[in-house]
C-alpha atoms as a PDB file:
ATOM      1  CA  MET A   1      75.950 105.905 184.319  1.00  0.00           C
ATOM      2  CA  ARG A   2      72.873 104.291 182.050  1.00  0.00           C
ATOM      3  CA  PRO A   3      73.618 104.491 178.125  1.00  0.00           C
ATOM      4  CA  THR A   4      72.263 106.807 175.745  1.00  0.00           C
ATOM      5  CA  TRP A   5      69.922 104.559 174.076  1.00  0.00           C
ATOM      6  CA  GLN A   6      67.679 101.985 175.773  1.00  0.00           C
ATOM      7  CA  PRO A   7      65.735  99.773 173.592  1.00  0.00           C
ATOM      8  CA  LEU A   8      63.222  98.392 176.088  1.00  0.00           C
ATOM      9  CA  PRO A   9      61.831 101.869 177.338  1.00  0.00           C
ATOM     10  CA  ILE A  10      61.596 103.404 173.923  1.00  0.00           C
ATOM     11  CA  ALA A  11      59.855  99.934 172.817  1.00  0.00           C
ATOM     12  CA  ALA A  12      57.841 100.538 175.947  1.00  0.00           C
ATOM     13  CA  ARG A  13      56.445 103.965 175.079  1.00  0.00           C
ATOM     14  CA  ALA A  14      56.011 103.092 171.657  1.00  0.00           C
ATOM     15  CA  GLU A  15      53.610 100.197 172.248  1.00  0.00           C
ATOM     16  CA  LEU A  16      51.299 102.560 174.418  1.00  0.00           C
ATOM     17  CA  THR A  17      51.370 105.246 171.936  1.00  0.00           C
ATOM     18  CA  SER A  18      50.332 103.237 169.166  1.00  0.00           C
ATOM     19  CA  LEU A  19      47.305 101.490 171.427  1.00  0.00           C
ATOM     20  CA  ILE A  20      46.200 104.502 172.526  1.00  0.00           C
ATOM     21  CA  LEU A  21      46.453 105.912 168.972  1.00  0.00           C
ATOM     22  CA  MET A  22      44.393 102.692 167.309  1.00  0.00           C
ATOM     23  CA  LEU A  23      41.671 103.258 170.143  1.00  0.00           C
ATOM     24  CA  LEU A  24      41.255 106.865 169.536  1.00  0.00           C
ATOM     25  CA  ASN A  25      40.807 106.003 165.703  1.00  0.00           C
ATOM     26  CA  LEU A  26      38.471 103.298 166.606  1.00  0.00           C
ATOM     27  CA  VAL A  27      36.158 105.510 168.295  1.00  0.00           C
ATOM     28  CA  THR A  28      36.644 108.863 166.546  1.00  0.00           C
ATOM     29  CA  VAL A  29      36.835 108.726 162.655  1.00  0.00           C
ATOM     30  CA  HIS A  30      38.006 104.845 162.260  1.00  0.00           C
ATOM     31  CA  TRP A  31      40.499 105.362 159.033  1.00  0.00           C
ATOM     32  CA  PRO A  32      41.760 102.426 158.052  1.00  0.00           C
ATOM     33  CA  ALA A  33      45.157 103.886 156.989  1.00  0.00           C
ATOM     34  CA  VAL A  34      45.697 104.535 160.769  1.00  0.00           C
ATOM     35  CA  SER A  35      44.662 101.036 161.699  1.00  0.00           C
ATOM     36  CA  SER A  36      46.929  99.217 158.784  1.00  0.00           C
ATOM     37  CA  VAL A  37      50.005 101.457 160.301  1.00  0.00           C
ATOM     38  CA  MET A  38      49.630 101.843 164.258  1.00  0.00           C
ATOM     39  CA  GLY A  39      48.183  97.615 164.400  1.00  0.00           C
ATOM     40  CA  PRO A  40      51.281  96.229 163.150  1.00  0.00           C
ATOM     41  CA  LEU A  41      53.478  99.114 165.109  1.00  0.00           C
ATOM     42  CA  HIS A  42      51.576  97.899 168.396  1.00  0.00           C
ATOM     43  CA  GLY A  43      52.292  94.582 167.776  1.00  0.00           C
ATOM     44  CA  CYS A  44      55.480  94.605 166.787  1.00  0.00           C
ATOM     45  CA  SER A  45      57.043  96.841 169.976  1.00  0.00           C
ATOM     46  CA  TYR A  46      54.530  94.428 172.440  1.00  0.00           C
ATOM     47  CA  LEU A  47      56.335  91.745 171.167  1.00  0.00           C
ATOM     48  CA  PHE A  48      59.524  93.528 171.378  1.00  0.00           C
ATOM     49  CA  VAL A  49      59.118  94.238 175.261  1.00  0.00           C
ATOM     50  CA  ILE A  50      58.416  90.637 176.014  1.00  0.00           C
ATOM     51  CA  ILE A  51      61.203  89.419 174.249  1.00  0.00           C
ATOM     52  CA  ALA A  52      63.699  92.165 175.771  1.00  0.00           C
ATOM     53  CA  THR A  53      62.096  91.656 179.150  1.00  0.00           C
ATOM     54  CA  ALA A  54      62.567  88.126 179.077  1.00  0.00           C
ATOM     55  CA  ARG A  55      66.103  88.604 178.294  1.00  0.00           C
ATOM     56  CA  HIS A  56      67.375  90.799 180.535  1.00  0.00           C
ATOM     57  CA  PRO A  57      69.576  90.127 183.094  1.00  0.00           C
ATOM     58  CA  GLN A  58      67.721  91.628 185.844  1.00  0.00           C
ATOM     59  CA  SER A  59      64.759  90.055 184.748  1.00  0.00           C
ATOM     60  CA  ALA A  60      62.613  87.415 186.549  1.00  0.00           C
ATOM     61  CA  GLY A  61      59.177  85.575 185.813  1.00  0.00           C
ATOM     62  CA  ARG A  62      57.346  87.892 187.344  1.00  0.00           C
ATOM     63  CA  LEU A  63      58.586  90.788 185.490  1.00  0.00           C
ATOM     64  CA  THR A  64      57.888  88.605 182.047  1.00  0.00           C
ATOM     65  CA  ALA A  65      54.721  87.751 183.077  1.00  0.00           C
ATOM     66  CA  LEU A  66      54.723  91.875 183.978  1.00  0.00           C
ATOM     67  CA  ALA A  67      55.397  92.411 180.416  1.00  0.00           C
ATOM     68  CA  LEU A  68      52.621  90.422 178.990  1.00  0.00           C
ATOM     69  CA  ILE A  69      50.161  93.314 179.885  1.00  0.00           C
ATOM     70  CA  PRO A  70      49.202  95.103 176.755  1.00  0.00           C
ATOM     71  CA  GLY A  71      49.818  98.775 176.513  1.00  0.00           C
ATOM     72  CA  ILE A  72      51.398  99.269 180.297  1.00  0.00           C
ATOM     73  CA  GLY A  73      52.926  96.144 181.061  1.00  0.00           C
ATOM     74  CA  GLY A  74      55.822  98.036 179.646  1.00  0.00           C
ATOM     75  CA  LEU A  75      55.833 100.671 181.352  1.00  0.00           C
ATOM     76  CA  LEU A  76      55.774  98.797 184.445  1.00  0.00           C
ATOM     77  CA  VAL A  77      58.435  96.437 183.584  1.00  0.00           C
ATOM     78  CA  THR A  78      61.160  99.432 183.248  1.00  0.00           C
ATOM     79  CA  ARG A  79      59.682 100.957 186.511  1.00  0.00           C
ATOM     80  CA  GLN A  80      60.770  98.107 187.747  1.00  0.00           C
ATOM     81  CA  LEU A  81      63.691  97.906 186.492  1.00  0.00           C
ATOM     82  CA  ASP A  82      65.069 100.993 187.517  1.00  0.00           C
ATOM     83  CA  ARG A  83      64.087 100.544 191.144  1.00  0.00           C
ATOM     84  CA  PRO A  84      67.640 100.378 193.386  1.00  0.00           C
ATOM     85  CA  ARG A  85      68.448  97.133 194.199  1.00  0.00           C
ATOM     86  CA  PRO A  86      68.886  96.503 198.111  1.00  0.00           C
ATOM     87  CA  VAL A  87      72.775  95.381 198.632  1.00  0.00           C
ATOM     88  CA  ALA A  88      72.922  92.057 200.621  1.00  0.00           C
ATOM     89  CA  PRO A  89      75.189  92.337 203.507  1.00  0.00           C
ATOM     90  CA  GLU A  90      78.551  90.466 203.327  1.00  0.00           C
ATOM     91  CA  PRO A  91      78.581  87.748 205.775  1.00  0.00           C
ATOM     92  CA  VAL A  92      80.544  88.139 208.805  1.00  0.00           C
ATOM     93  CA  ASP A  93      83.301  85.318 209.561  1.00  0.00           C
ATOM     94  CA  ASN A  94      83.286  84.737 213.463  1.00  0.00           C
ATOM     95  CA  ASN A  95      86.145  82.243 213.065  1.00  0.00           C
ATOM     96  CA  GLN A  96      89.153  84.542 212.957  1.00  0.00           C
ATOM     97  CA  THR A  97      92.467  83.277 214.372  1.00  0.00           C
END
C-alpha cells in the first residue's frame, strides 16, 4: 500500500507547473509579480526533487542525473520509481544431504 502523501511526485508536478507558468508569462504579458512568485517556487521545487531523488532508497546515480533535467526530470524519476522491480530468483542449493 502506498502512503497518501508523497512529497516527490508533488514536488515534481509543482516544478513542471511553475516552469510552464513562468514560460507562459514570459511569452505573453510578462508581469513581474508572476515572475517573482513562480521563479522561487520553481527553484525550490527543482532543488527538492533533486535532493529527494538522491536520498531515495531505490535511487541510483542514473536517477539522480535524470532529476537534473528541469521541468520533466522529477516526473521521469517518479515514473522509474513506480515501476515494479523484478524479483531475483532464489539460489538453488544442489548440495542436499
